[in-house]
Full PDB file with SEQRES, HELIX, SHEET, SSBOND, CRYST1, ORIGX, SCALE, CONECT and MASTER records, all heavy atoms in Angstrom:
SEQRES   1 A   40  PRO LEU LEU GLN ALA THR VAL PRO GLY LEU VAL SER TYR          
SEQRES   2 A   40  VAL GLU SER PHE VAL GLU LYS LEU GLN LEU PRO THR GLU          
SEQRES   3 A   40  PHE THR LEU LEU GLY ASN SER LEU GLY GLY HIS VAL ALA          
SEQRES   4 A   40  LEU                                                          
HELIX    1 AA1 LEU A    2  GLN A    4  5                                   3    
HELIX    2 AA2 VAL A    7  LYS A   20  1                                  14    
HELIX    3 AA3 LEU A   34  ALA A   39  1                                   6    
CRYST1    1.000    1.000    1.000  90.00  90.00  90.00 P 1           1          
ORIGX1      1.000000  0.000000  0.000000        0.00000                         
ORIGX2      0.000000  1.000000  0.000000        0.00000                         
ORIGX3      0.000000  0.000000  1.000000        0.00000                         
SCALE1      1.000000  0.000000  0.000000        0.00000                         
SCALE2      0.000000  1.000000  0.000000        0.00000                         
SCALE3      0.000000  0.000000  1.000000        0.00000                         
ATOM      1  N   PRO A   1     -37.830 -18.091  -2.213  1.00  0.00           N  
ATOM      2  CA  PRO A   1     -38.481 -16.873  -1.715  1.00  0.00           C  
ATOM      3  C   PRO A   1     -37.491 -15.714  -1.640  1.00  0.00           C  
ATOM      4  O   PRO A   1     -36.344 -15.898  -1.221  1.00  0.00           O  
ATOM      5  CB  PRO A   1     -38.966 -17.293  -0.322  1.00  0.00           C  
ATOM      6  CG  PRO A   1     -39.140 -18.780  -0.416  1.00  0.00           C  
ATOM      7  CD  PRO A   1     -38.058 -19.251  -1.332  1.00  0.00           C  
ATOM      8  N   LEU A   2     -37.935 -14.539  -2.031  1.00  0.00           N  
ATOM      9  CA  LEU A   2     -37.031 -13.402  -2.160  1.00  0.00           C  
ATOM     10  C   LEU A   2     -36.293 -13.091  -0.865  1.00  0.00           C  
ATOM     11  O   LEU A   2     -35.090 -12.797  -0.884  1.00  0.00           O  
ATOM     12  CB  LEU A   2     -37.813 -12.168  -2.642  1.00  0.00           C  
ATOM     13  CG  LEU A   2     -36.984 -10.907  -2.913  1.00  0.00           C  
ATOM     14  CD1 LEU A   2     -35.900 -11.181  -3.951  1.00  0.00           C  
ATOM     15  CD2 LEU A   2     -37.897  -9.779  -3.378  1.00  0.00           C  
ATOM     16  N   LEU A   3     -36.975 -13.184   0.273  1.00  0.00           N  
ATOM     17  CA  LEU A   3     -36.327 -12.873   1.546  1.00  0.00           C  
ATOM     18  C   LEU A   3     -35.261 -13.908   1.914  1.00  0.00           C  
ATOM     19  O   LEU A   3     -34.391 -13.635   2.745  1.00  0.00           O  
ATOM     20  CB  LEU A   3     -37.367 -12.778   2.665  1.00  0.00           C  
ATOM     21  CG  LEU A   3     -38.326 -11.588   2.577  1.00  0.00           C  
ATOM     22  CD1 LEU A   3     -39.344 -11.642   3.706  1.00  0.00           C  
ATOM     23  CD2 LEU A   3     -37.556 -10.268   2.608  1.00  0.00           C  
ATOM     24  N   GLN A   4     -35.315 -15.082   1.295  1.00  0.00           N  
ATOM     25  CA  GLN A   4     -34.314 -16.112   1.551  1.00  0.00           C  
ATOM     26  C   GLN A   4     -33.221 -16.151   0.487  1.00  0.00           C  
ATOM     27  O   GLN A   4     -32.313 -16.986   0.560  1.00  0.00           O  
ATOM     28  CB  GLN A   4     -35.003 -17.480   1.623  1.00  0.00           C  
ATOM     29  CG  GLN A   4     -36.000 -17.605   2.750  1.00  0.00           C  
ATOM     30  CD  GLN A   4     -36.772 -18.918   2.698  1.00  0.00           C  
ATOM     31  OE1 GLN A   4     -36.306 -19.907   2.144  1.00  0.00           O  
ATOM     32  NE2 GLN A   4     -37.967 -18.921   3.267  1.00  0.00           N  
ATOM     33  N   ALA A   5     -33.310 -15.265  -0.502  1.00  0.00           N  
ATOM     34  CA  ALA A   5     -32.358 -15.264  -1.620  1.00  0.00           C  
ATOM     35  C   ALA A   5     -31.048 -14.601  -1.185  1.00  0.00           C  
ATOM     36  O   ALA A   5     -30.726 -13.473  -1.565  1.00  0.00           O  
ATOM     37  CB  ALA A   5     -32.957 -14.544  -2.819  1.00  0.00           C  
ATOM     38  N   THR A   6     -30.316 -15.330  -0.352  1.00  0.00           N  
ATOM     39  CA  THR A   6     -29.061 -14.868   0.217  1.00  0.00           C  
ATOM     40  C   THR A   6     -28.108 -16.052   0.308  1.00  0.00           C  
ATOM     41  O   THR A   6     -28.512 -17.205   0.114  1.00  0.00           O  
ATOM     42  CB  THR A   6     -29.270 -14.306   1.632  1.00  0.00           C  
ATOM     43  OG1 THR A   6     -29.809 -15.360   2.458  1.00  0.00           O  
ATOM     44  CG2 THR A   6     -30.232 -13.128   1.634  1.00  0.00           C  
ATOM     45  N   VAL A   7     -26.861 -15.784   0.623  1.00  0.00           N  
ATOM     46  CA  VAL A   7     -25.921 -16.879   0.857  1.00  0.00           C  
ATOM     47  C   VAL A   7     -26.396 -17.767   2.010  1.00  0.00           C  
ATOM     48  O   VAL A   7     -26.433 -18.996   1.870  1.00  0.00           O  
ATOM     49  CB  VAL A   7     -24.498 -16.340   1.096  1.00  0.00           C  
ATOM     50  CG1 VAL A   7     -23.567 -17.453   1.584  1.00  0.00           C  
ATOM     51  CG2 VAL A   7     -23.943 -15.721  -0.183  1.00  0.00           C  
ATOM     52  N   PRO A   8     -26.769 -17.210   3.177  1.00  0.00           N  
ATOM     53  CA  PRO A   8     -27.283 -18.073   4.244  1.00  0.00           C  
ATOM     54  C   PRO A   8     -28.507 -18.882   3.827  1.00  0.00           C  
ATOM     55  O   PRO A   8     -28.675 -20.031   4.244  1.00  0.00           O  
ATOM     56  CB  PRO A   8     -27.621 -17.091   5.370  1.00  0.00           C  
ATOM     57  CG  PRO A   8     -26.705 -15.929   5.128  1.00  0.00           C  
ATOM     58  CD  PRO A   8     -26.619 -15.810   3.638  1.00  0.00           C  
ATOM     59  N   GLY A   9     -29.384 -18.294   2.992  1.00  0.00           N  
ATOM     60  CA  GLY A   9     -30.549 -19.020   2.509  1.00  0.00           C  
ATOM     61  C   GLY A   9     -30.167 -20.226   1.671  1.00  0.00           C  
ATOM     62  O   GLY A   9     -30.772 -21.300   1.780  1.00  0.00           O  
ATOM     63  N   LEU A  10     -29.147 -20.072   0.830  1.00  0.00           N  
ATOM     64  CA  LEU A  10     -28.666 -21.187   0.013  1.00  0.00           C  
ATOM     65  C   LEU A  10     -27.974 -22.244   0.864  1.00  0.00           C  
ATOM     66  O   LEU A  10     -28.081 -23.444   0.592  1.00  0.00           O  
ATOM     67  CB  LEU A  10     -27.713 -20.672  -1.072  1.00  0.00           C  
ATOM     68  CG  LEU A  10     -28.389 -19.878  -2.194  1.00  0.00           C  
ATOM     69  CD1 LEU A  10     -27.335 -19.190  -3.067  1.00  0.00           C  
ATOM     70  CD2 LEU A  10     -29.271 -20.772  -3.055  1.00  0.00           C  
ATOM     71  N   VAL A  11     -27.275 -21.809   1.904  1.00  0.00           N  
ATOM     72  CA  VAL A  11     -26.639 -22.770   2.818  1.00  0.00           C  
ATOM     73  C   VAL A  11     -27.717 -23.619   3.498  1.00  0.00           C  
ATOM     74  O   VAL A  11     -27.580 -24.844   3.607  1.00  0.00           O  
ATOM     75  CB  VAL A  11     -25.763 -22.051   3.857  1.00  0.00           C  
ATOM     76  CG1 VAL A  11     -25.269 -23.029   4.915  1.00  0.00           C  
ATOM     77  CG2 VAL A  11     -24.577 -21.371   3.170  1.00  0.00           C  
ATOM     78  N   SER A  12     -28.791 -22.987   3.926  1.00  0.00           N  
ATOM     79  CA  SER A  12     -29.897 -23.720   4.545  1.00  0.00           C  
ATOM     80  C   SER A  12     -30.498 -24.725   3.567  1.00  0.00           C  
ATOM     81  O   SER A  12     -30.867 -25.843   3.954  1.00  0.00           O  
ATOM     82  CB  SER A  12     -30.985 -22.747   5.020  1.00  0.00           C  
ATOM     83  OG  SER A  12     -30.507 -21.920   6.055  1.00  0.00           O  
ATOM     84  N   TYR A  13     -30.578 -24.334   2.302  1.00  0.00           N  
ATOM     85  CA  TYR A  13     -31.091 -25.242   1.267  1.00  0.00           C  
ATOM     86  C   TYR A  13     -30.197 -26.473   1.135  1.00  0.00           C  
ATOM     87  O   TYR A  13     -30.681 -27.608   1.067  1.00  0.00           O  
ATOM     88  CB  TYR A  13     -31.176 -24.503  -0.073  1.00  0.00           C  
ATOM     89  CG  TYR A  13     -31.746 -25.325  -1.197  1.00  0.00           C  
ATOM     90  CD1 TYR A  13     -33.124 -25.368  -1.413  1.00  0.00           C  
ATOM     91  CD2 TYR A  13     -30.918 -26.055  -2.051  1.00  0.00           C  
ATOM     92  CE1 TYR A  13     -33.654 -26.123  -2.452  1.00  0.00           C  
ATOM     93  CE2 TYR A  13     -31.441 -26.813  -3.080  1.00  0.00           C  
ATOM     94  CZ  TYR A  13     -32.814 -26.836  -3.278  1.00  0.00           C  
ATOM     95  OH  TYR A  13     -33.348 -27.593  -4.297  1.00  0.00           O  
ATOM     96  N   VAL A  14     -28.878 -26.261   1.116  1.00  0.00           N  
ATOM     97  CA  VAL A  14     -27.942 -27.385   1.010  1.00  0.00           C  
ATOM     98  C   VAL A  14     -28.028 -28.271   2.254  1.00  0.00           C  
ATOM     99  O   VAL A  14     -27.984 -29.503   2.163  1.00  0.00           O  
ATOM    100  CB  VAL A  14     -26.498 -26.875   0.794  1.00  0.00           C  
ATOM    101  CG1 VAL A  14     -25.492 -28.028   0.846  1.00  0.00           C  
ATOM    102  CG2 VAL A  14     -26.396 -26.139  -0.545  1.00  0.00           C  
ATOM    103  N   GLU A  15     -28.170 -27.666   3.426  1.00  0.00           N  
ATOM    104  CA  GLU A  15     -28.318 -28.440   4.660  1.00  0.00           C  
ATOM    105  C   GLU A  15     -29.547 -29.345   4.592  1.00  0.00           C  
ATOM    106  O   GLU A  15     -29.495 -30.529   4.971  1.00  0.00           O  
ATOM    107  CB  GLU A  15     -28.413 -27.508   5.870  1.00  0.00           C  
ATOM    108  CG  GLU A  15     -27.106 -26.823   6.213  1.00  0.00           C  
ATOM    109  CD  GLU A  15     -27.253 -25.798   7.324  1.00  0.00           C  
ATOM    110  OE1 GLU A  15     -28.342 -25.202   7.460  1.00  0.00           O  
ATOM    111  OE2 GLU A  15     -26.267 -25.583   8.054  1.00  0.00           O  
ATOM    112  N   SER A  16     -30.651 -28.808   4.088  1.00  0.00           N  
ATOM    113  CA  SER A  16     -31.868 -29.592   3.961  1.00  0.00           C  
ATOM    114  C   SER A  16     -31.688 -30.702   2.931  1.00  0.00           C  
ATOM    115  O   SER A  16     -32.141 -31.842   3.133  1.00  0.00           O  
ATOM    116  CB  SER A  16     -33.031 -28.677   3.550  1.00  0.00           C  
ATOM    117  OG  SER A  16     -34.221 -29.406   3.394  1.00  0.00           O  
ATOM    118  N   PHE A  17     -31.011 -30.398   1.843  1.00  0.00           N  
ATOM    119  CA  PHE A  17     -30.744 -31.392   0.787  1.00  0.00           C  
ATOM    120  C   PHE A  17     -29.923 -32.557   1.344  1.00  0.00           C  
ATOM    121  O   PHE A  17     -30.245 -33.731   1.126  1.00  0.00           O  
ATOM    122  CB  PHE A  17     -30.000 -30.714  -0.363  1.00  0.00           C  
ATOM    123  CG  PHE A  17     -29.625 -31.634  -1.491  1.00  0.00           C  
ATOM    124  CD1 PHE A  17     -30.564 -32.013  -2.438  1.00  0.00           C  
ATOM    125  CD2 PHE A  17     -28.329 -32.115  -1.613  1.00  0.00           C  
ATOM    126  CE1 PHE A  17     -30.218 -32.859  -3.487  1.00  0.00           C  
ATOM    127  CE2 PHE A  17     -27.979 -32.964  -2.647  1.00  0.00           C  
ATOM    128  CZ  PHE A  17     -28.922 -33.329  -3.590  1.00  0.00           C  
ATOM    129  N   VAL A  18     -28.865 -32.242   2.069  1.00  0.00           N  
ATOM    130  CA  VAL A  18     -28.005 -33.275   2.659  1.00  0.00           C  
ATOM    131  C   VAL A  18     -28.794 -34.142   3.631  1.00  0.00           C  
ATOM    132  O   VAL A  18     -28.652 -35.378   3.650  1.00  0.00           O  
ATOM    133  CB  VAL A  18     -26.793 -32.621   3.367  1.00  0.00           C  
ATOM    134  CG1 VAL A  18     -26.042 -33.634   4.221  1.00  0.00           C  
ATOM    135  CG2 VAL A  18     -25.856 -31.987   2.341  1.00  0.00           C  
ATOM    136  N   GLU A  19     -29.654 -33.505   4.421  1.00  0.00           N  
ATOM    137  CA  GLU A  19     -30.446 -34.244   5.404  1.00  0.00           C  
ATOM    138  C   GLU A  19     -31.467 -35.153   4.729  1.00  0.00           C  
ATOM    139  O   GLU A  19     -31.595 -36.338   5.078  1.00  0.00           O  
ATOM    140  CB  GLU A  19     -31.153 -33.264   6.336  1.00  0.00           C  
ATOM    141  CG  GLU A  19     -32.037 -33.935   7.390  1.00  0.00           C  
ATOM    142  CD  GLU A  19     -32.808 -32.940   8.228  1.00  0.00           C  
ATOM    143  OE1 GLU A  19     -32.577 -31.720   8.079  1.00  0.00           O  
ATOM    144  OE2 GLU A  19     -33.656 -33.389   9.021  1.00  0.00           O  
ATOM    145  N   LYS A  20     -32.199 -34.624   3.758  1.00  0.00           N  
ATOM    146  CA  LYS A  20     -33.261 -35.397   3.119  1.00  0.00           C  
ATOM    147  C   LYS A  20     -32.705 -36.578   2.324  1.00  0.00           C  
ATOM    148  O   LYS A  20     -33.322 -37.652   2.278  1.00  0.00           O  
ATOM    149  CB  LYS A  20     -34.084 -34.501   2.196  1.00  0.00           C  
ATOM    150  CG  LYS A  20     -34.944 -33.488   2.921  1.00  0.00           C  
ATOM    151  CD  LYS A  20     -36.055 -34.160   3.711  1.00  0.00           C  
ATOM    152  CE  LYS A  20     -36.992 -33.128   4.327  1.00  0.00           C  
ATOM    153  NZ  LYS A  20     -38.055 -33.763   5.135  1.00  0.00           N  
ATOM    154  N   LEU A  21     -31.548 -36.391   1.684  1.00  0.00           N  
ATOM    155  CA  LEU A  21     -30.947 -37.488   0.927  1.00  0.00           C  
ATOM    156  C   LEU A  21     -30.142 -38.431   1.812  1.00  0.00           C  
ATOM    157  O   LEU A  21     -29.604 -39.428   1.330  1.00  0.00           O  
ATOM    158  CB  LEU A  21     -30.052 -36.953  -0.198  1.00  0.00           C  
ATOM    159  CG  LEU A  21     -30.742 -36.857  -1.573  1.00  0.00           C  
ATOM    160  CD1 LEU A  21     -31.828 -35.787  -1.554  1.00  0.00           C  
ATOM    161  CD2 LEU A  21     -29.731 -36.595  -2.673  1.00  0.00           C  
ATOM    162  N   GLN A  22     -30.074 -38.113   3.092  1.00  0.00           N  
ATOM    163  CA  GLN A  22     -29.369 -38.940   4.065  1.00  0.00           C  
ATOM    164  C   GLN A  22     -27.947 -39.262   3.589  1.00  0.00           C  
ATOM    165  O   GLN A  22     -27.520 -40.416   3.560  1.00  0.00           O  
ATOM    166  CB  GLN A  22     -30.155 -40.233   4.336  1.00  0.00           C  
ATOM    167  CG  GLN A  22     -31.532 -39.987   4.921  1.00  0.00           C  
ATOM    168  CD  GLN A  22     -32.288 -41.268   5.229  1.00  0.00           C  
ATOM    169  OE1 GLN A  22     -31.966 -42.339   4.728  1.00  0.00           O  
ATOM    170  NE2 GLN A  22     -33.310 -41.157   6.058  1.00  0.00           N  
ATOM    171  N   LEU A  23     -27.217 -38.199   3.241  1.00  0.00           N  
ATOM    172  CA  LEU A  23     -25.842 -38.369   2.786  1.00  0.00           C  
ATOM    173  C   LEU A  23     -24.969 -38.822   3.944  1.00  0.00           C  
ATOM    174  O   LEU A  23     -25.299 -38.599   5.111  1.00  0.00           O  
ATOM    175  CB  LEU A  23     -25.312 -37.067   2.187  1.00  0.00           C  
ATOM    176  CG  LEU A  23     -26.030 -36.568   0.933  1.00  0.00           C  
ATOM    177  CD1 LEU A  23     -25.281 -35.401   0.314  1.00  0.00           C  
ATOM    178  CD2 LEU A  23     -26.208 -37.681  -0.094  1.00  0.00           C  
ATOM    179  N   PRO A  24     -23.840 -39.459   3.654  1.00  0.00           N  
ATOM    180  CA  PRO A  24     -22.954 -39.966   4.716  1.00  0.00           C  
ATOM    181  C   PRO A  24     -22.509 -38.869   5.673  1.00  0.00           C  
ATOM    182  O   PRO A  24     -22.583 -37.671   5.360  1.00  0.00           O  
ATOM    183  CB  PRO A  24     -21.764 -40.523   3.925  1.00  0.00           C  
ATOM    184  CG  PRO A  24     -22.292 -40.799   2.566  1.00  0.00           C  
ATOM    185  CD  PRO A  24     -23.343 -39.776   2.314  1.00  0.00           C  
ATOM    186  N   THR A  25     -22.027 -39.308   6.816  1.00  0.00           N  
ATOM    187  CA  THR A  25     -21.602 -38.363   7.854  1.00  0.00           C  
ATOM    188  C   THR A  25     -20.555 -37.396   7.326  1.00  0.00           C  
ATOM    189  O   THR A  25     -20.556 -36.213   7.662  1.00  0.00           O  
ATOM    190  CB  THR A  25     -21.034 -39.126   9.063  1.00  0.00           C  
ATOM    191  OG1 THR A  25     -22.025 -40.028   9.533  1.00  0.00           O  
ATOM    192  CG2 THR A  25     -20.653 -38.165  10.181  1.00  0.00           C  
ATOM    193  N   GLU A  26     -19.638 -37.895   6.489  1.00  0.00           N  
ATOM    194  CA  GLU A  26     -18.601 -37.034   5.919  1.00  0.00           C  
ATOM    195  C   GLU A  26     -18.588 -37.172   4.396  1.00  0.00           C  
ATOM    196  O   GLU A  26     -18.786 -38.272   3.867  1.00  0.00           O  
ATOM    197  CB  GLU A  26     -17.224 -37.404   6.476  1.00  0.00           C  
ATOM    198  CG  GLU A  26     -17.049 -37.068   7.953  1.00  0.00           C  
ATOM    199  CD  GLU A  26     -15.614 -37.255   8.408  1.00  0.00           C  
ATOM    200  OE1 GLU A  26     -14.805 -37.788   7.622  1.00  0.00           O  
ATOM    201  OE2 GLU A  26     -15.306 -36.862   9.545  1.00  0.00           O  
ATOM    202  N   PHE A  27     -18.342 -36.062   3.730  1.00  0.00           N  
ATOM    203  CA  PHE A  27     -18.249 -36.081   2.270  1.00  0.00           C  
ATOM    204  C   PHE A  27     -17.328 -34.959   1.815  1.00  0.00           C  
ATOM    205  O   PHE A  27     -16.919 -34.095   2.604  1.00  0.00           O  
ATOM    206  CB  PHE A  27     -19.632 -35.940   1.617  1.00  0.00           C  
ATOM    207  CG  PHE A  27     -20.434 -34.773   2.122  1.00  0.00           C  
ATOM    208  CD1 PHE A  27     -20.269 -33.505   1.583  1.00  0.00           C  
ATOM    209  CD2 PHE A  27     -21.364 -34.947   3.145  1.00  0.00           C  
ATOM    210  CE1 PHE A  27     -21.008 -32.433   2.049  1.00  0.00           C  
ATOM    211  CE2 PHE A  27     -22.117 -33.879   3.620  1.00  0.00           C  
ATOM    212  CZ  PHE A  27     -21.935 -32.615   3.066  1.00  0.00           C  
ATOM    213  N   THR A  28     -16.983 -34.982   0.527  1.00  0.00           N  
ATOM    214  CA  THR A  28     -16.140 -33.947  -0.069  1.00  0.00           C  
ATOM    215  C   THR A  28     -17.039 -32.929  -0.753  1.00  0.00           C  
ATOM    216  O   THR A  28     -17.948 -33.284  -1.504  1.00  0.00           O  
ATOM    217  CB  THR A  28     -15.170 -34.562  -1.096  1.00  0.00           C  
ATOM    218  OG1 THR A  28     -14.379 -35.565  -0.447  1.00  0.00           O  
ATOM    219  CG2 THR A  28     -14.254 -33.503  -1.680  1.00  0.00           C  
ATOM    220  N   LEU A  29     -16.792 -31.657  -0.495  1.00  0.00           N  
ATOM    221  CA  LEU A  29     -17.631 -30.577  -1.010  1.00  0.00           C  
ATOM    222  C   LEU A  29     -16.833 -29.728  -1.989  1.00  0.00           C  
ATOM    223  O   LEU A  29     -15.717 -29.290  -1.684  1.00  0.00           O  
ATOM    224  CB  LEU A  29     -18.115 -29.727   0.174  1.00  0.00           C  
ATOM    225  CG  LEU A  29     -19.176 -28.660  -0.068  1.00  0.00           C  
ATOM    226  CD1 LEU A  29     -20.410 -29.241  -0.734  1.00  0.00           C  
ATOM    227  CD2 LEU A  29     -19.561 -28.007   1.262  1.00  0.00           C  
ATOM    228  N   LEU A  30     -17.391 -29.524  -3.188  1.00  0.00           N  
ATOM    229  CA  LEU A  30     -16.752 -28.729  -4.230  1.00  0.00           C  
ATOM    230  C   LEU A  30     -17.670 -27.578  -4.610  1.00  0.00           C  
ATOM    231  O   LEU A  30     -18.889 -27.755  -4.709  1.00  0.00           O  
ATOM    232  CB  LEU A  30     -16.472 -29.554  -5.481  1.00  0.00           C  
ATOM    233  CG  LEU A  30     -15.485 -30.714  -5.411  1.00  0.00           C  
ATOM    234  CD1 LEU A  30     -16.116 -31.963  -4.816  1.00  0.00           C  
ATOM    235  CD2 LEU A  30     -14.940 -31.035  -6.808  1.00  0.00           C  
ATOM    236  N   GLY A  31     -17.095 -26.394  -4.858  1.00  0.00           N  
ATOM    237  CA  GLY A  31     -17.916 -25.265  -5.251  1.00  0.00           C  
ATOM    238  C   GLY A  31     -17.200 -24.328  -6.201  1.00  0.00           C  
ATOM    239  O   GLY A  31     -16.013 -24.047  -6.039  1.00  0.00           O  
ATOM    240  N   ASN A  32     -17.938 -23.846  -7.197  1.00  0.00           N  
ATOM    241  CA  ASN A  32     -17.432 -22.850  -8.136  1.00  0.00           C  
ATOM    242  C   ASN A  32     -18.155 -21.530  -7.911  1.00  0.00           C  
ATOM    243  O   ASN A  32     -19.380 -21.499  -7.771  1.00  0.00           O  
ATOM    244  CB  ASN A  32     -17.652 -23.324  -9.577  1.00  0.00           C  
ATOM    245  CG  ASN A  32     -17.366 -22.232 -10.609  1.00  0.00           C  
ATOM    246  OD1 ASN A  32     -18.242 -21.835 -11.372  1.00  0.00           O  
ATOM    247  ND2 ASN A  32     -16.145 -21.732 -10.629  1.00  0.00           N  
ATOM    248  N   SER A  33     -17.390 -20.433  -7.853  1.00  0.00           N  
ATOM    249  CA  SER A  33     -17.939 -19.092  -7.754  1.00  0.00           C  
ATOM    250  C   SER A  33     -18.855 -18.978  -6.529  1.00  0.00           C  
ATOM    251  O   SER A  33     -18.428 -19.258  -5.409  1.00  0.00           O  
ATOM    252  CB  SER A  33     -18.677 -18.746  -9.053  1.00  0.00           C  
ATOM    253  OG  SER A  33     -18.962 -17.373  -9.131  1.00  0.00           O  
ATOM    254  N   LEU A  34     -20.120 -18.610  -6.707  1.00  0.00           N  
ATOM    255  CA  LEU A  34     -21.050 -18.542  -5.582  1.00  0.00           C  
ATOM    256  C   LEU A  34     -21.156 -19.893  -4.874  1.00  0.00           C  
ATOM    257  O   LEU A  34     -21.287 -19.962  -3.646  1.00  0.00           O  
ATOM    258  CB  LEU A  34     -22.430 -18.105  -6.071  1.00  0.00           C  
ATOM    259  CG  LEU A  34     -23.550 -18.152  -5.031  1.00  0.00           C  
ATOM    260  CD1 LEU A  34     -23.366 -17.073  -3.975  1.00  0.00           C  
ATOM    261  CD2 LEU A  34     -24.906 -18.026  -5.710  1.00  0.00           C  
ATOM    262  N   GLY A  35     -21.069 -20.989  -5.638  1.00  0.00           N  
ATOM    263  CA  GLY A  35     -21.116 -22.319  -5.035  1.00  0.00           C  
ATOM    264  C   GLY A  35     -19.973 -22.551  -4.070  1.00  0.00           C  
ATOM    265  O   GLY A  35     -20.125 -23.247  -3.059  1.00  0.00           O  
ATOM    266  N   GLY A  36     -18.808 -21.968  -4.350  1.00  0.00           N  
ATOM    267  CA  GLY A  36     -17.688 -22.057  -3.421  1.00  0.00           C  
ATOM    268  C   GLY A  36     -17.969 -21.304  -2.141  1.00  0.00           C  
ATOM    269  O   GLY A  36     -17.612 -21.750  -1.045  1.00  0.00           O  
ATOM    270  N   HIS A  37     -18.595 -20.146  -2.268  1.00  0.00           N  
ATOM    271  CA  HIS A  37     -18.975 -19.332  -1.108  1.00  0.00           C  
ATOM    272  C   HIS A  37     -19.940 -20.114  -0.212  1.00  0.00           C  
ATOM    273  O   HIS A  37     -19.773 -20.174   1.016  1.00  0.00           O  
ATOM    274  CB  HIS A  37     -19.636 -18.051  -1.613  1.00  0.00           C  
ATOM    275  CG  HIS A  37     -19.651 -16.929  -0.641  1.00  0.00           C  
ATOM    276  ND1 HIS A  37     -19.650 -15.608  -1.018  1.00  0.00           N  
ATOM    277  CD2 HIS A  37     -19.684 -16.910   0.710  1.00  0.00           C  
ATOM    278  CE1 HIS A  37     -19.668 -14.826   0.052  1.00  0.00           C  
ATOM    279  NE2 HIS A  37     -19.696 -15.606   1.118  1.00  0.00           N  
ATOM    280  N   VAL A  38     -20.948 -20.722  -0.842  1.00  0.00           N  
ATOM    281  CA  VAL A  38     -21.914 -21.533  -0.102  1.00  0.00           C  
ATOM    282  C   VAL A  38     -21.208 -22.719   0.560  1.00  0.00           C  
ATOM    283  O   VAL A  38     -21.492 -23.057   1.722  1.00  0.00           O  
ATOM    284  CB  VAL A  38     -23.044 -22.011  -1.036  1.00  0.00           C  
ATOM    285  CG1 VAL A  38     -23.974 -22.997  -0.318  1.00  0.00           C  
ATOM    286  CG2 VAL A  38     -23.843 -20.823  -1.567  1.00  0.00           C  
ATOM    287  N   ALA A  39     -20.268 -23.328  -0.154  1.00  0.00           N  
ATOM    288  CA  ALA A  39     -19.522 -24.461   0.403  1.00  0.00           C  
ATOM    289  C   ALA A  39     -18.722 -24.048   1.633  1.00  0.00           C  
ATOM    290  O   ALA A  39     -18.658 -24.786   2.627  1.00  0.00           O  
ATOM    291  CB  ALA A  39     -18.589 -25.040  -0.661  1.00  0.00           C  
ATOM    292  N   LEU A  40     -18.110 -22.883   1.591  1.00  0.00           N  
ATOM    293  CA  LEU A  40     -17.343 -22.398   2.737  1.00  0.00           C  
ATOM    294  C   LEU A  40     -18.231 -22.169   3.953  1.00  0.00           C  
ATOM    295  O   LEU A  40     -17.900 -22.585   5.068  1.00  0.00           O  
ATOM    296  CB  LEU A  40     -16.625 -21.095   2.365  1.00  0.00           C  
ATOM    297  CG  LEU A  40     -15.397 -21.219   1.466  1.00  0.00           C  
ATOM    298  CD1 LEU A  40     -15.054 -19.877   0.849  1.00  0.00           C  
ATOM    299  CD2 LEU A  40     -14.208 -21.766   2.256  1.00  0.00           C  
TER     300      LEU A  40                                                      
MASTER        0    0    0    3    0    0    0    6  299    1    0    4          
END                                                                             
């Protein structure tokens, strides 16, 4: 959605992805360009 097309919006998407896939408590995060920004 256009109003969510922001860095915080993408961070929320990754948070939901991690939760739904039930990823381990700790993991290694890698990001390139905008992906690095979202990772930070």
